[in-house]
Protein backbone atom coordinates (compact mmCIF):
# COMPACT_ATOMS: atom_id res chain seq x y z
CA MET A 1 228.56 113.37 88.95
CA GLN A 2 226.15 116.20 88.06
CA ARG A 3 223.19 114.01 89.02
CA ALA A 4 224.76 113.11 92.37
CA LEU A 5 225.37 116.80 93.13
CA ILE A 6 221.78 117.70 92.25
CA ILE A 7 220.38 114.91 94.41
CA SER A 8 222.64 115.91 97.30
CA ILE A 9 221.57 119.55 97.14
CA ILE A 10 217.89 118.68 96.85
CA ALA A 11 218.13 116.22 99.75
CA THR A 12 219.93 118.79 101.87
CA MET A 13 217.38 121.50 101.09
CA PHE A 14 214.41 119.35 101.98
CA THR A 15 215.87 117.65 105.04
CA THR A 16 217.44 120.71 106.66
CA TYR A 17 214.82 123.32 105.83
CA PRO A 18 212.57 122.86 108.89
CA ALA A 19 215.46 123.24 111.35
CA ARG A 20 216.74 126.36 109.58
CA ALA A 21 213.42 128.01 108.75
CA ALA A 22 214.21 131.08 110.81
CA THR A 23 217.25 131.95 108.69
CA ARG A 24 216.27 130.65 105.23
CA HIS A 25 213.57 131.47 102.76
CA GLU A 26 211.09 128.92 101.50
CA LEU A 27 212.13 127.23 98.26
CA PRO A 28 210.17 128.87 95.43
CA THR A 29 207.95 126.59 93.38
CA SER A 30 209.87 127.46 90.23
CA VAL A 31 213.14 126.29 91.78
CA ALA A 32 211.58 123.07 93.07
CA VAL A 33 210.04 122.19 89.71
CA PHE A 34 213.30 123.08 87.98
CA PHE A 35 215.16 120.50 90.05
CA SER A 36 212.43 117.96 89.40
CA ALA A 37 212.76 118.57 85.67
CA ILE A 38 216.53 118.32 85.47
CA GLU A 39 216.42 115.14 87.53
CA ALA A 40 213.97 113.72 84.97
CA LEU A 41 216.28 114.79 82.13
CA ALA A 42 219.21 113.08 83.85
CA LYS A 43 217.19 109.86 84.28
CA ALA A 44 216.13 109.97 80.63
CA ASP A 45 219.77 110.27 79.62
CA GLU A 46 220.71 107.07 81.50
CA ARG A 47 219.81 104.47 78.89
CA PRO A 48 220.10 101.03 80.46
CA ASN A 49 222.39 98.53 78.75
CA GLY A 50 220.65 96.13 76.40
CA ILE A 51 217.38 98.04 76.18
CA SER A 52 215.80 98.24 72.75
CA ALA A 53 215.06 101.59 71.12
CA ALA A 54 211.32 100.96 71.46
CA ALA A 55 211.63 100.06 75.13
CA ASN A 56 213.79 103.12 75.74
CA ILE A 57 211.17 105.37 74.15
CA THR A 58 208.56 103.86 76.45
CA ARG A 59 210.91 104.43 79.40
CA ILE A 60 211.64 108.09 78.67
CA LYS A 61 208.17 109.25 77.63
CA PRO A 62 206.90 109.85 81.21
CA LEU A 63 210.20 111.52 82.07
CA MET A 64 209.83 113.96 79.17
CA GLN A 65 206.24 114.59 80.23
CA GLN A 66 207.49 115.34 83.74
CA VAL A 67 209.82 117.99 82.28
CA VAL A 68 206.99 119.56 80.27
CA ASP A 69 204.71 119.54 83.32
CA ALA A 70 207.43 121.18 85.41
CA GLY A 71 207.81 123.86 82.77
CA ALA A 72 204.10 124.62 82.99
CA LYS A 73 204.47 125.23 86.74
CA CYS A 74 207.61 127.33 86.41
CA ASN A 75 207.65 131.10 86.54
CA ARG A 76 210.21 132.36 84.03
CA ALA A 77 210.59 135.75 85.71
CA GLU A 78 211.12 134.18 89.14
CA LEU A 79 214.06 132.10 87.92
CA ASN A 80 215.46 135.00 85.87
CA THR A 81 215.31 137.22 88.95
CA LEU A 82 217.29 134.69 90.96
CA TYR A 83 219.88 134.23 88.21
CA SER A 84 219.96 136.04 84.87
CA GLY A 85 218.81 133.84 81.99
CA TRP A 86 217.91 130.85 84.16
CA GLY A 87 214.19 130.88 83.41
CA ASP A 88 214.70 131.71 79.75
CA HIS A 89 217.14 128.89 79.11
CA PHE A 90 215.25 126.37 81.20
CA LEU A 91 211.93 127.01 79.45
CA ASP A 92 213.21 127.79 75.94
CA ASP A 93 215.82 125.07 75.80
CA ALA A 94 215.38 122.25 78.35
CA VAL A 95 211.57 122.22 78.43
CA ALA A 96 211.37 122.83 74.68
CA HIS A 97 213.62 119.79 74.21
CA ALA A 98 211.17 117.62 76.13
CA ARG A 99 208.24 118.98 74.12
CA PHE A 100 210.03 118.20 70.86
CA ILE A 101 210.90 114.69 72.05
CA LEU A 102 207.25 114.02 72.91
CA GLN A 103 206.16 115.45 69.57
CA PHE A 104 208.69 113.24 67.79
CA MET A 105 207.37 110.20 69.64
CA ASP A 106 203.87 111.00 68.39
CA THR A 107 204.75 111.94 64.81
CA GLY A 108 208.13 110.43 63.95
CA ASP A 109 208.96 113.70 62.17
CA SER A 110 212.73 113.98 61.69
CA ASP A 111 212.62 117.81 61.71
CA THR A 112 211.14 117.65 65.19
CA MET A 113 214.03 115.46 66.35
CA THR A 114 216.48 117.94 64.84
CA ARG A 115 214.83 120.73 66.84
CA ALA A 116 214.95 118.54 69.96
CA MET A 117 218.68 118.03 69.54
CA GLY A 118 219.28 121.74 68.94
CA THR A 119 217.45 122.75 72.08
CA ILE A 120 219.24 120.26 74.32
CA ILE A 121 222.60 121.38 72.96
CA ARG A 122 221.72 125.01 73.68
CA TRP A 123 220.61 124.00 77.19
CA GLN A 124 223.83 122.12 77.90
CA GLN A 125 225.97 124.96 76.54
CA TRP A 126 224.25 127.38 78.92
CA TRP A 127 223.82 125.08 81.93
CA LYS A 128 227.38 123.74 82.19
CA PRO A 129 229.10 127.11 82.77
CA ASN A 130 226.28 128.38 85.03
CA GLN A 131 225.44 125.25 87.01
CA ASP A 132 227.85 125.72 89.91
CA LYS A 133 226.81 129.35 90.39
CA ILE A 134 223.13 128.42 90.44
CA MET A 135 223.67 125.48 92.79
CA THR A 136 225.64 127.71 95.15
CA LEU A 137 223.00 130.43 94.99
CA VAL A 138 220.21 127.96 95.77
CA ALA A 139 222.16 126.30 98.57
CA ASP A 140 223.10 129.66 100.13
CA ARG A 141 219.66 131.20 99.87
CA PHE A 142 217.37 128.23 100.43
CA GLY A 143 219.53 125.40 101.75
């Protein structure tokens, strides 16, 4: 359900923006890359039935790299200005999770996987109660 809502909002923002340009602001890069990153996280979380662990690692590696790349393009202060804590939690939790997953894939270090799990839990604990407010803010301001 969360993924469907995200896709719907993104689709609405990009398909309606030109017609409403006079009344809406351009979508900031940080917001666009944020949505790209959480879409990648959602895809990584959808493990297909019957896929082996090795095949799943191969499947999620580019998705985790997409999250890390999005984090590199994201301006923490810009997101925090739009919604308090947004940039901090996105970069320190969600993007950090992807970095730890990639590091684990390279090293197999169990401590790295523990850190990956801790960061994604922190992200989910912050995102779930704030998601609707952020989605509404983005839709109202940029949609």
